[in-house]
PDB file of N, CA and C in Angstrom:
ATOM      1  N   MET A   1     118.133  86.225 114.433  1.00  0.00           N
ATOM      2  CA  MET A   1     117.665  86.839 115.671  1.00  0.00           C
ATOM      3  C   MET A   1     117.061  88.211 115.367  1.00  0.00           C
ATOM      4  N   THR A   2     116.261  88.655 116.311  1.00  0.00           N
ATOM      5  CA  THR A   2     115.638  89.964 116.188  1.00  0.00           C
ATOM      6  C   THR A   2     115.453  90.531 117.589  1.00  0.00           C
ATOM      7  N   PHE A   3     115.025  91.751 117.642  1.00  0.00           N
ATOM      8  CA  PHE A   3     114.700  92.372 118.914  1.00  0.00           C
ATOM      9  C   PHE A   3     113.196  92.334 119.094  1.00  0.00           C
ATOM     10  N   VAL A   4     112.764  92.311 120.356  1.00  0.00           N
ATOM     11  CA  VAL A   4     111.362  92.068 120.688  1.00  0.00           C
ATOM     12  C   VAL A   4     110.901  93.079 121.728  1.00  0.00           C
ATOM     13  N   VAL A   5     109.731  93.666 121.496  1.00  0.00           N
ATOM     14  CA  VAL A   5     109.107  94.542 122.492  1.00  0.00           C
ATOM     15  C   VAL A   5     108.288  93.647 123.413  1.00  0.00           C
ATOM     16  N   THR A   6     108.437  93.864 124.709  1.00  0.00           N
ATOM     17  CA  THR A   6     107.793  92.999 125.695  1.00  0.00           C
ATOM     18  C   THR A   6     106.725  93.741 126.513  1.00  0.00           C
ATOM     19  N   GLU A   7     106.202  93.034 127.476  1.00  0.00           N
ATOM     20  CA  GLU A   7     105.052  93.471 128.270  1.00  0.00           C
ATOM     21  C   GLU A   7     105.189  94.857 128.897  1.00  0.00           C
ATOM     22  N   ASN A   8     106.384  95.271 129.255  1.00  0.00           N
ATOM     23  CA  ASN A   8     106.523  96.547 129.947  1.00  0.00           C
ATOM     24  C   ASN A   8     106.129  97.735 129.078  1.00  0.00           C
ATOM     25  N   CYS A   9     106.012  97.546 127.780  1.00  0.00           N
ATOM     26  CA  CYS A   9     105.575  98.614 126.876  1.00  0.00           C
ATOM     27  C   CYS A   9     104.061  98.834 126.926  1.00  0.00           C
ATOM     28  N   ILE A  10     103.315  97.826 127.300  1.00  0.00           N
ATOM     29  CA  ILE A  10     101.856  97.928 127.307  1.00  0.00           C
ATOM     30  C   ILE A  10     101.403  99.036 128.242  1.00  0.00           C
ATOM     31  N   ARG A  11     100.551  99.896 127.729  1.00  0.00           N
ATOM     32  CA  ARG A  11      99.971 101.054 128.424  1.00  0.00           C
ATOM     33  C   ARG A  11     100.991 102.150 128.712  1.00  0.00           C
ATOM     34  N   CYS A  12     102.171 102.045 128.130  1.00  0.00           N
ATOM     35  CA  CYS A  12     103.180 103.104 128.248  1.00  0.00           C
ATOM     36  C   CYS A  12     103.412 103.715 126.874  1.00  0.00           C
ATOM     37  N   LYS A  13     103.885 102.874 125.951  1.00  0.00           N
ATOM     38  CA  LYS A  13     104.104 103.226 124.553  1.00  0.00           C
ATOM     39  C   LYS A  13     105.015 104.448 124.405  1.00  0.00           C
ATOM     40  N   TYR A  14     106.154 104.401 125.063  1.00  0.00           N
ATOM     41  CA  TYR A  14     107.173 105.411 124.810  1.00  0.00           C
ATOM     42  C   TYR A  14     107.698 105.168 123.399  1.00  0.00           C
ATOM     43  N   THR A  15     108.007 106.219 122.678  1.00  0.00           N
ATOM     44  CA  THR A  15     108.446 106.047 121.294  1.00  0.00           C
ATOM     45  C   THR A  15     109.872 106.532 121.052  1.00  0.00           C
ATOM     46  N   ASP A  16     110.656 106.680 122.084  1.00  0.00           N
ATOM     47  CA  ASP A  16     112.046 107.109 121.940  1.00  0.00           C
ATOM     48  C   ASP A  16     112.810 106.163 121.009  1.00  0.00           C
ATOM     49  N   CYS A  17     112.461 104.895 121.055  1.00  0.00           N
ATOM     50  CA  CYS A  17     113.109 103.855 120.253  1.00  0.00           C
ATOM     51  C   CYS A  17     112.896 104.056 118.756  1.00  0.00           C
ATOM     52  N   VAL A  18     111.794 104.624 118.398  1.00  0.00           N
ATOM     53  CA  VAL A  18     111.417 104.769 116.995  1.00  0.00           C
ATOM     54  C   VAL A  18     112.384 105.679 116.238  1.00  0.00           C
ATOM     55  N   ASP A  19     112.797 106.771 116.862  1.00  0.00           N
ATOM     56  CA  ASP A  19     113.670 107.741 116.195  1.00  0.00           C
ATOM     57  C   ASP A  19     115.037 107.180 115.829  1.00  0.00           C
ATOM     58  N   VAL A  20     115.528 106.221 116.575  1.00  0.00           N
ATOM     59  CA  VAL A  20     116.868 105.696 116.300  1.00  0.00           C
ATOM     60  C   VAL A  20     116.857 104.491 115.365  1.00  0.00           C
ATOM     61  N   CYS A  21     115.697 103.990 115.024  1.00  0.00           N
ATOM     62  CA  CYS A  21     115.604 102.796 114.179  1.00  0.00           C
ATOM     63  C   CYS A  21     115.909 103.145 112.723  1.00  0.00           C
ATOM     64  N   PRO A  22     116.972 102.560 112.155  1.00  0.00           N
ATOM     65  CA  PRO A  22     117.327 102.881 110.766  1.00  0.00           C
ATOM     66  C   PRO A  22     116.455 102.193 109.717  1.00  0.00           C
ATOM     67  N   THR A  23     115.613 101.246 110.135  1.00  0.00           N
ATOM     68  CA  THR A  23     114.812 100.505 109.151  1.00  0.00           C
ATOM     69  C   THR A  23     113.304 100.654 109.345  1.00  0.00           C
ATOM     70  N   ASP A  24     112.880 101.544 110.215  1.00  0.00           N
ATOM     71  CA  ASP A  24     111.447 101.735 110.468  1.00  0.00           C
ATOM     72  C   ASP A  24     110.733 100.414 110.719  1.00  0.00           C
ATOM     73  N   CYS A  25     111.279  99.627 111.640  1.00  0.00           N
ATOM     74  CA  CYS A  25     110.693  98.308 111.905  1.00  0.00           C
ATOM     75  C   CYS A  25     109.646  98.323 113.017  1.00  0.00           C
ATOM     76  N   PHE A  26     109.393  99.488 113.625  1.00  0.00           N
ATOM     77  CA  PHE A  26     108.384  99.567 114.679  1.00  0.00           C
ATOM     78  C   PHE A  26     106.990  99.768 114.083  1.00  0.00           C
ATOM     79  N   HIS A  27     106.022  99.125 114.721  1.00  0.00           N
ATOM     80  CA  HIS A  27     104.621  99.248 114.337  1.00  0.00           C
ATOM     81  C   HIS A  27     103.850  99.638 115.584  1.00  0.00           C
ATOM     82  N   GLU A  28     102.830 100.481 115.390  1.00  0.00           N
ATOM     83  CA  GLU A  28     102.100 101.051 116.527  1.00  0.00           C
ATOM     84  C   GLU A  28     100.676 100.543 116.603  1.00  0.00           C
ATOM     85  N   GLY A  29     100.338 100.066 117.793  1.00  0.00           N
ATOM     86  CA  GLY A  29      98.969  99.684 118.086  1.00  0.00           C
ATOM     87  C   GLY A  29      98.368 100.689 119.050  1.00  0.00           C
ATOM     88  N   PRO A  30      97.165 100.443 119.535  1.00  0.00           N
ATOM     89  CA  PRO A  30      96.499 101.391 120.422  1.00  0.00           C
ATOM     90  C   PRO A  30      97.264 101.699 121.710  1.00  0.00           C
ATOM     91  N   ASN A  31      97.914 100.689 122.307  1.00  0.00           N
ATOM     92  CA  ASN A  31      98.626 100.949 123.559  1.00  0.00           C
ATOM     93  C   ASN A  31      99.918 100.124 123.687  1.00  0.00           C
ATOM     94  N   PHE A  32     100.548  99.847 122.543  1.00  0.00           N
ATOM     95  CA  PHE A  32     101.728  98.977 122.536  1.00  0.00           C
ATOM     96  C   PHE A  32     102.455  99.163 121.214  1.00  0.00           C
ATOM     97  N   LEU A  33     103.761  98.982 121.219  1.00  0.00           N
ATOM     98  CA  LEU A  33     104.564  98.971 119.996  1.00  0.00           C
ATOM     99  C   LEU A  33     105.102  97.568 119.788  1.00  0.00           C
ATOM    100  N   VAL A  34     105.359  97.210 118.542  1.00  0.00           N
ATOM    101  CA  VAL A  34     105.994  95.931 118.234  1.00  0.00           C
ATOM    102  C   VAL A  34     107.086  96.160 117.197  1.00  0.00           C
ATOM    103  N   ILE A  35     107.981  95.193 117.103  1.00  0.00           N
ATOM    104  CA  ILE A  35     109.053  95.216 116.110  1.00  0.00           C
ATOM    105  C   ILE A  35     108.762  94.134 115.072  1.00  0.00           C
ATOM    106  N   ASN A  36     108.867  94.518 113.807  1.00  0.00           N
ATOM    107  CA  ASN A  36     108.698  93.565 112.725  1.00  0.00           C
ATOM    108  C   ASN A  36     110.000  92.767 112.583  1.00  0.00           C
ATOM    109  N   PRO A  37     109.976  91.461 112.833  1.00  0.00           N
ATOM    110  CA  PRO A  37     111.202  90.674 112.758  1.00  0.00           C
ATOM    111  C   PRO A  37     111.760  90.569 111.340  1.00  0.00           C
ATOM    112  N   GLU A  38     110.934  90.841 110.335  1.00  0.00           N
ATOM    113  CA  GLU A  38     111.385  90.776 108.950  1.00  0.00           C
ATOM    114  C   GLU A  38     112.219  91.993 108.556  1.00  0.00           C
ATOM    115  N   THR A  39     112.002  93.127 109.229  1.00  0.00           N
ATOM    116  CA  THR A  39     112.721  94.345 108.859  1.00  0.00           C
ATOM    117  C   THR A  39     113.768  94.767 109.889  1.00  0.00           C
ATOM    118  N   CYS A  40     113.729  94.171 111.067  1.00  0.00           N
ATOM    119  CA  CYS A  40     114.731  94.463 112.101  1.00  0.00           C
ATOM    120  C   CYS A  40     116.091  93.940 111.635  1.00  0.00           C
ATOM    121  N   ILE A  41     117.113  94.796 111.735  1.00  0.00           N
ATOM    122  CA  ILE A  41     118.461  94.391 111.311  1.00  0.00           C
ATOM    123  C   ILE A  41     119.376  94.106 112.510  1.00  0.00           C
ATOM    124  N   ASP A  42     118.797  93.967 113.677  1.00  0.00           N
ATOM    125  CA  ASP A  42     119.547  93.602 114.887  1.00  0.00           C
ATOM    126  C   ASP A  42     120.626  94.615 115.262  1.00  0.00           C
ATOM    127  N   CYS A  43     120.373  95.878 115.026  1.00  0.00           N
ATOM    128  CA  CYS A  43     121.375  96.903 115.334  1.00  0.00           C
ATOM    129  C   CYS A  43     121.434  97.219 116.824  1.00  0.00           C
ATOM    130  N   SER A  44     120.380  96.957 117.548  1.00  0.00           N
ATOM    131  CA  SER A  44     120.251  97.166 118.998  1.00  0.00           C
ATOM    132  C   SER A  44     120.179  98.621 119.441  1.00  0.00           C
ATOM    133  N   LEU A  45     120.087  99.558 118.533  1.00  0.00           N
ATOM    134  CA  LEU A  45     120.020 100.971 118.912  1.00  0.00           C
ATOM    135  C   LEU A  45     118.792 101.279 119.771  1.00  0.00           C
ATOM    136  N   CYS A  46     117.712 100.579 119.541  1.00  0.00           N
ATOM    137  CA  CYS A  46     116.462 100.842 120.253  1.00  0.00           C
ATOM    138  C   CYS A  46     116.521 100.465 121.735  1.00  0.00           C
ATOM    139  N   VAL A  47     117.323  99.492 122.062  1.00  0.00           N
ATOM    140  CA  VAL A  47     117.352  98.970 123.437  1.00  0.00           C
ATOM    141  C   VAL A  47     117.701 100.070 124.437  1.00  0.00           C
ATOM    142  N   ALA A  48     118.753 100.790 124.180  1.00  0.00           N
ATOM    143  CA  ALA A  48     119.203 101.842 125.103  1.00  0.00           C
ATOM    144  C   ALA A  48     118.232 103.020 125.166  1.00  0.00           C
ATOM    145  N   GLU A  49     117.460 103.211 124.121  1.00  0.00           N
ATOM    146  CA  GLU A  49     116.541 104.348 124.062  1.00  0.00           C
ATOM    147  C   GLU A  49     115.221 104.113 124.780  1.00  0.00           C
ATOM    148  N   CYS A  50     114.888 102.870 125.065  1.00  0.00           N
ATOM    149  CA  CYS A  50     113.598 102.552 125.668  1.00  0.00           C
ATOM    150  C   CYS A  50     113.588 102.889 127.159  1.00  0.00           C
ATOM    151  N   PRO A  51     112.835 103.911 127.583  1.00  0.00           N
ATOM    152  CA  PRO A  51     112.796 104.265 129.004  1.00  0.00           C
ATOM    153  C   PRO A  51     112.089 103.229 129.868  1.00  0.00           C
ATOM    154  N   ALA A  52     111.356 102.317 129.243  1.00  0.00           N
ATOM    155  CA  ALA A  52     110.637 101.284 129.988  1.00  0.00           C
ATOM    156  C   ALA A  52     111.427  99.976 130.067  1.00  0.00           C
ATOM    157  N   ASP A  53     112.604  99.934 129.457  1.00  0.00           N
ATOM    158  CA  ASP A  53     113.395  98.694 129.407  1.00  0.00           C
ATOM    159  C   ASP A  53     112.544  97.530 128.911  1.00  0.00           C
ATOM    160  N   ALA A  54     111.809  97.774 127.845  1.00  0.00           N
ATOM    161  CA  ALA A  54     110.870  96.780 127.329  1.00  0.00           C
ATOM    162  C   ALA A  54     111.367  96.055 126.085  1.00  0.00           C
ATOM    163  N   ILE A  55     112.567  96.384 125.592  1.00  0.00           N
ATOM    164  CA  ILE A  55     113.062  95.782 124.356  1.00  0.00           C
ATOM    165  C   ILE A  55     114.252  94.879 124.662  1.00  0.00           C
ATOM    166  N   PHE A  56     114.185  93.653 124.138  1.00  0.00           N
ATOM    167  CA  PHE A  56     115.224  92.660 124.385  1.00  0.00           C
ATOM    168  C   PHE A  56     115.637  91.996 123.086  1.00  0.00           C
ATOM    169  N   ASP A  57     116.891  91.566 123.039  1.00  0.00           N
ATOM    170  CA  ASP A  57     117.327  90.672 121.986  1.00  0.00           C
ATOM    171  C   ASP A  57     116.566  89.372 122.210  1.00  0.00           C
ATOM    172  N   GLU A  58     116.102  88.773 121.153  1.00  0.00           N
ATOM    173  CA  GLU A  58     115.321  87.537 121.259  1.00  0.00           C
ATOM    174  C   GLU A  58     116.017  86.480 122.108  1.00  0.00           C
ATOM    175  N   LYS A  59     117.333  86.388 122.002  1.00  0.00           N
ATOM    176  CA  LYS A  59     118.064  85.367 122.758  1.00  0.00           C
ATOM    177  C   LYS A  59     118.203  85.715 124.241  1.00  0.00           C
ATOM    178  N   ASP A  60     117.919  86.941 124.609  1.00  0.00           N
ATOM    179  CA  ASP A  60     118.038  87.379 126.006  1.00  0.00           C
ATOM    180  C   ASP A  60     116.688  87.620 126.677  1.00  0.00           C
ATOM    181  N   LEU A  61     115.617  87.200 126.034  1.00  0.00           N
ATOM    182  CA  LEU A  61     114.282  87.414 126.598  1.00  0.00           C
ATOM    183  C   LEU A  61     114.110  86.683 127.920  1.00  0.00           C
ATOM    184  N   PRO A  62     113.510  87.344 128.905  1.00  0.00           N
ATOM    185  CA  PRO A  62     113.152  86.619 130.128  1.00  0.00           C
ATOM    186  C   PRO A  62     112.197  85.473 129.773  1.00  0.00           C
ATOM    187  N   GLU A  63     112.289  84.401 130.485  1.00  0.00           N
ATOM    188  CA  GLU A  63     111.491  83.193 130.207  1.00  0.00           C
ATOM    189  C   GLU A  63     109.997  83.486 130.077  1.00  0.00           C
ATOM    190  N   ASP A  64     109.479  84.344 130.943  1.00  0.00           N
ATOM    191  CA  ASP A  64     108.043  84.625 130.928  1.00  0.00           C
ATOM    192  C   ASP A  64     107.619  85.587 129.820  1.00  0.00           C
ATOM    193  N   GLN A  65     108.559  86.006 128.981  1.00  0.00           N
ATOM    194  CA  GLN A  65     108.251  86.943 127.894  1.00  0.00           C
ATOM    195  C   GLN A  65     108.416  86.322 126.505  1.00  0.00           C
ATOM    196  N   HIS A  66     108.692  85.035 126.427  1.00  0.00           N
ATOM    197  CA  HIS A  66     108.939  84.375 125.143  1.00  0.00           C
ATOM    198  C   HIS A  66     107.755  84.463 124.180  1.00  0.00           C
ATOM    199  N   HIS A  67     106.545  84.521 124.696  1.00  0.00           N
ATOM    200  CA  HIS A  67     105.371  84.609 123.817  1.00  0.00           C
ATOM    201  C   HIS A  67     105.326  85.919 123.035  1.00  0.00           C
ATOM    202  N   PHE A  68     106.130  86.903 123.437  1.00  0.00           N
ATOM    203  CA  PHE A  68     106.164  88.176 122.726  1.00  0.00           C
ATOM    204  C   PHE A  68     106.895  88.075 121.386  1.00  0.00           C
ATOM    205  N   ILE A  69     107.678  87.043 121.170  1.00  0.00           N
ATOM    206  CA  ILE A  69     108.314  86.830 119.870  1.00  0.00           C
ATOM    207  C   ILE A  69     107.222  86.673 118.813  1.00  0.00           C
ATOM    208  N   GLN A  70     106.303  85.764 119.054  1.00  0.00           N
ATOM    209  CA  GLN A  70     105.208  85.527 118.119  1.00  0.00           C
ATOM    210  C   GLN A  70     104.263  86.718 118.062  1.00  0.00           C
ATOM    211  N   LEU A  71     104.004  87.344 119.198  1.00  0.00           N
ATOM    212  CA  LEU A  71     103.091  88.479 119.239  1.00  0.00           C
ATOM    213  C   LEU A  71     103.626  89.642 118.405  1.00  0.00           C
ATOM    214  N   ASN A  72     104.928  89.944 118.503  1.00  0.00           N
ATOM    215  CA  ASN A  72     105.523  91.011 117.696  1.00  0.00           C
ATOM    216  C   ASN A  72     105.392  90.688 116.213  1.00  0.00           C
ATOM    217  N   ALA A  73     105.686  89.444 115.849  1.00  0.00           N
ATOM    218  CA  ALA A  73     105.597  89.035 114.442  1.00  0.00           C
ATOM    219  C   ALA A  73     104.161  89.173 113.925  1.00  0.00           C
ATOM    220  N   GLU A  74     103.211  88.725 114.712  1.00  0.00           N
ATOM    221  CA  GLU A  74     101.803  88.770 114.307  1.00  0.00           C
ATOM    222  C   GLU A  74     101.277  90.197 114.180  1.00  0.00           C
ATOM    223  N   LEU A  75     101.475  91.000 115.229  1.00  0.00           N
ATOM    224  CA  LEU A  75     100.903  92.344 115.239  1.00  0.00           C
ATOM    225  C   LEU A  75     101.602  93.289 114.267  1.00  0.00           C
ATOM    226  N   SER A  76     102.865  93.032 113.959  1.00  0.00           N
ATOM    227  CA  SER A  76     103.565  93.896 113.005  1.00  0.00           C
ATOM    228  C   SER A  76     102.977  93.758 111.601  1.00  0.00           C
ATOM    229  N   GLN A  77     102.270  92.669 111.347  1.00  0.00           N
ATOM    230  CA  GLN A  77     101.612  92.490 110.052  1.00  0.00           C
ATOM    231  C   GLN A  77     100.252  93.203 110.000  1.00  0.00           C
ATOM    232  N   MET A  78      99.739  93.582 111.166  1.00  0.00           N
ATOM    233  CA  MET A  78      98.414  94.204 111.243  1.00  0.00           C
ATOM    234  C   MET A  78      98.472  95.714 111.477  1.00  0.00           C
ATOM    235  N   TRP A  79      99.464  96.157 112.228  1.00  0.00           N
ATOM    236  CA  TRP A  79      99.525  97.557 112.643  1.00  0.00           C
ATOM    237  C   TRP A  79     100.406  98.383 111.707  1.00  0.00           C
ATOM    238  N   PRO A  80     100.158  99.701 111.627  1.00  0.00           N
ATOM    239  CA  PRO A  80     100.954 100.555 110.744  1.00  0.00           C
ATOM    240  C   PRO A  80     102.351 100.833 111.295  1.00  0.00           C
ATOM    241  N   VAL A  81     103.261 101.111 110.384  1.00  0.00           N
ATOM    242  CA  VAL A  81     104.623 101.505 110.757  1.00  0.00           C
ATOM    243  C   VAL A  81     104.560 102.853 111.464  1.00  0.00           C
ATOM    244  N   ILE A  82     105.385 103.019 112.482  1.00  0.00           N
ATOM    245  CA  ILE A  82     105.560 104.311 113.140  1.00  0.00           C
ATOM    246  C   ILE A  82     107.014 104.703 112.911  1.00  0.00           C
ATOM    247  N   ASP A  83     107.234 105.918 112.397  1.00  0.00           N
ATOM    248  CA  ASP A  83     108.597 106.321 112.062  1.00  0.00           C
ATOM    249  C   ASP A  83     109.036 107.628 112.714  1.00  0.00           C
ATOM    250  N   SER A  84     108.241 108.118 113.659  1.00  0.00           N
ATOM    251  CA  SER A  84     108.640 109.307 114.413  1.00  0.00           C
ATOM    252  C   SER A  84     108.057 109.230 115.819  1.00  0.00           C
ATOM    253  N   THR A  85     108.664 109.953 116.715  1.00  0.00           N
ATOM    254  CA  THR A  85     108.217 109.902 118.107  1.00  0.00           C
ATOM    255  C   THR A  85     106.872 110.609 118.277  1.00  0.00           C
ATOM    256  N   SER A  86     106.183 110.187 119.306  1.00  0.00           N
ATOM    257  CA  SER A  86     104.941 110.827 119.716  1.00  0.00           C
ATOM    258  C   SER A  86     104.889 110.747 121.235  1.00  0.00           C
ATOM    259  N   ALA A  87     103.932 111.402 121.816  1.00  0.00           N
ATOM    260  CA  ALA A  87     103.813 111.407 123.274  1.00  0.00           C
ATOM    261  C   ALA A  87     103.466 110.002 123.771  1.00  0.00           C
ATOM    262  N   PRO A  88     104.003 109.627 124.932  1.00  0.00           N
ATOM    263  CA  PRO A  88     103.615 108.334 125.509  1.00  0.00           C
ATOM    264  C   PRO A  88     102.160 108.366 125.959  1.00  0.00           C
ATOM    265  N   MET A  89     101.665 107.232 126.378  1.00  0.00           N
ATOM    266  CA  MET A  89     100.306 107.151 126.899  1.00  0.00           C
ATOM    267  C   MET A  89     100.198 108.111 128.091  1.00  0.00           C
ATOM    268  N   PRO A  90      99.025 108.711 128.306  1.00  0.00           N
ATOM    269  CA  PRO A  90      98.878 109.713 129.377  1.00  0.00           C
ATOM    270  C   PRO A  90      99.313 109.237 130.767  1.00  0.00           C
ATOM    271  N   GLU A  91      99.109 107.985 131.093  1.00  0.00           N
ATOM    272  CA  GLU A  91      99.457 107.487 132.421  1.00  0.00           C
ATOM    273  C   GLU A  91     100.671 106.560 132.374  1.00  0.00           C
ATOM    274  N   ALA A  92     101.553 106.771 131.411  1.00  0.00           N
ATOM    275  CA  ALA A  92     102.704 105.890 131.213  1.00  0.00           C
ATOM    276  C   ALA A  92     103.559 105.753 132.466  1.00  0.00           C
ATOM    277  N   GLU A  93     103.818 106.838 133.145  1.00  0.00           N
ATOM    278  CA  GLU A  93     104.673 106.778 134.329  1.00  0.00           C
ATOM    279  C   GLU A  93     104.077 105.892 135.419  1.00  0.00           C
ATOM    280  N   GLN A  94     102.779 105.839 135.513  1.00  0.00           N
ATOM    281  CA  GLN A  94     102.121 104.999 136.519  1.00  0.00           C
ATOM    282  C   GLN A  94     102.142 103.532 136.127  1.00  0.00           C
ATOM    283  N   TRP A  95     102.201 103.245 134.825  1.00  0.00           N
ATOM    284  CA  TRP A  95     102.116 101.872 134.342  1.00  0.00           C
ATOM    285  C   TRP A  95     103.463 101.238 134.038  1.00  0.00           C
ATOM    286  N   VAL A  96     104.515 102.027 133.935  1.00  0.00           N
ATOM    287  CA  VAL A  96     105.773 101.553 133.370  1.00  0.00           C
ATOM    288  C   VAL A  96     106.320 100.270 133.989  1.00  0.00           C
ATOM    289  N   ASP A  97     106.287 100.092 135.249  1.00  0.00           N
ATOM    290  CA  ASP A  97     106.864  98.896 135.856  1.00  0.00           C
ATOM    291  C   ASP A  97     105.825  97.996 136.518  1.00  0.00           C
ATOM    292  N   GLN A  98     104.574  98.135 136.111  1.00  0.00           N
ATOM    293  CA  GLN A  98     103.518  97.291 136.661  1.00  0.00           C
ATOM    294  C   GLN A  98     103.607  95.896 136.038  1.00  0.00           C
ATOM    295  N   PRO A  99     103.466  94.855 136.819  1.00  0.00           N
ATOM    296  CA  PRO A  99     103.487  93.485 136.262  1.00  0.00           C
ATOM    297  C   PRO A  99     102.130  93.095 135.684  1.00  0.00           C
ATOM    298  N   ASP A 100     102.113  92.002 134.966  1.00  0.00           N
ATOM    299  CA  ASP A 100     100.878  91.390 134.471  1.00  0.00           C
ATOM    300  C   ASP A 100     100.001  92.335 133.650  1.00  0.00           C
ATOM    301  N   LYS A 101     100.604  92.985 132.665  1.00  0.00           N
ATOM    302  CA  LYS A 101      99.854  93.937 131.845  1.00  0.00           C
ATOM    303  C   LYS A 101      99.295  93.327 130.562  1.00  0.00           C
ATOM    304  N   MET A 102      99.578  92.074 130.301  1.00  0.00           N
ATOM    305  CA  MET A 102      99.124  91.451 129.063  1.00  0.00           C
ATOM    306  C   MET A 102      97.610  91.568 128.892  1.00  0.00           C
ATOM    307  N   GLN A 103      96.879  91.510 129.987  1.00  0.00           N
ATOM    308  CA  GLN A 103      95.423  91.607 129.929  1.00  0.00           C
ATOM    309  C   GLN A 103      94.938  92.950 129.390  1.00  0.00           C
ATOM    310  N   TYR A 104      95.813  93.960 129.380  1.00  0.00           N
ATOM    311  CA  TYR A 104      95.436  95.286 128.922  1.00  0.00           C
ATOM    312  C   TYR A 104      95.837  95.558 127.470  1.00  0.00           C
ATOM    313  N   LEU A 105      96.481  94.615 126.833  1.00  0.00           N
ATOM    314  CA  LEU A 105      96.899  94.806 125.454  1.00  0.00           C
ATOM    315  C   LEU A 105      95.690  94.963 124.545  1.00  0.00           C
ATOM    316  N   GLU A 106      95.653  96.074 123.816  1.00  0.00           N
ATOM    317  CA  GLU A 106      94.575  96.325 122.863  1.00  0.00           C
ATOM    318  C   GLU A 106      95.069  96.004 121.470  1.00  0.00           C
ATOM    319  N   ARG A 107      94.310  95.211 120.778  1.00  0.00           N
ATOM    320  CA  ARG A 107      94.688  94.837 119.411  1.00  0.00           C
ATOM    321  C   ARG A 107      93.977  95.732 118.433  1.00  0.00           C
TER     322      ARG A 107
END
């Protein structure tokens, strides 16, 4: 099992989760973060730190978010590792709980 970043991170990209990760398993894209399932050690420290509630244990993923398992695995191979916090997206507070954000994901 691994932890998965889901749709609520899109256009928010809070990085509070990154600082607590002991294995630097987060990767950063233009407007989204992903977790590399190969380096995640299932410690769950990131879950409580995410202000967007966008990180789930793979076994606890909402049904409509299952495609993010593959998306995290795929994008973590393309995007660089992020190992320190940075500012969220400028309009993160406006986007944090908006539904149907997949269309805004930038690769």
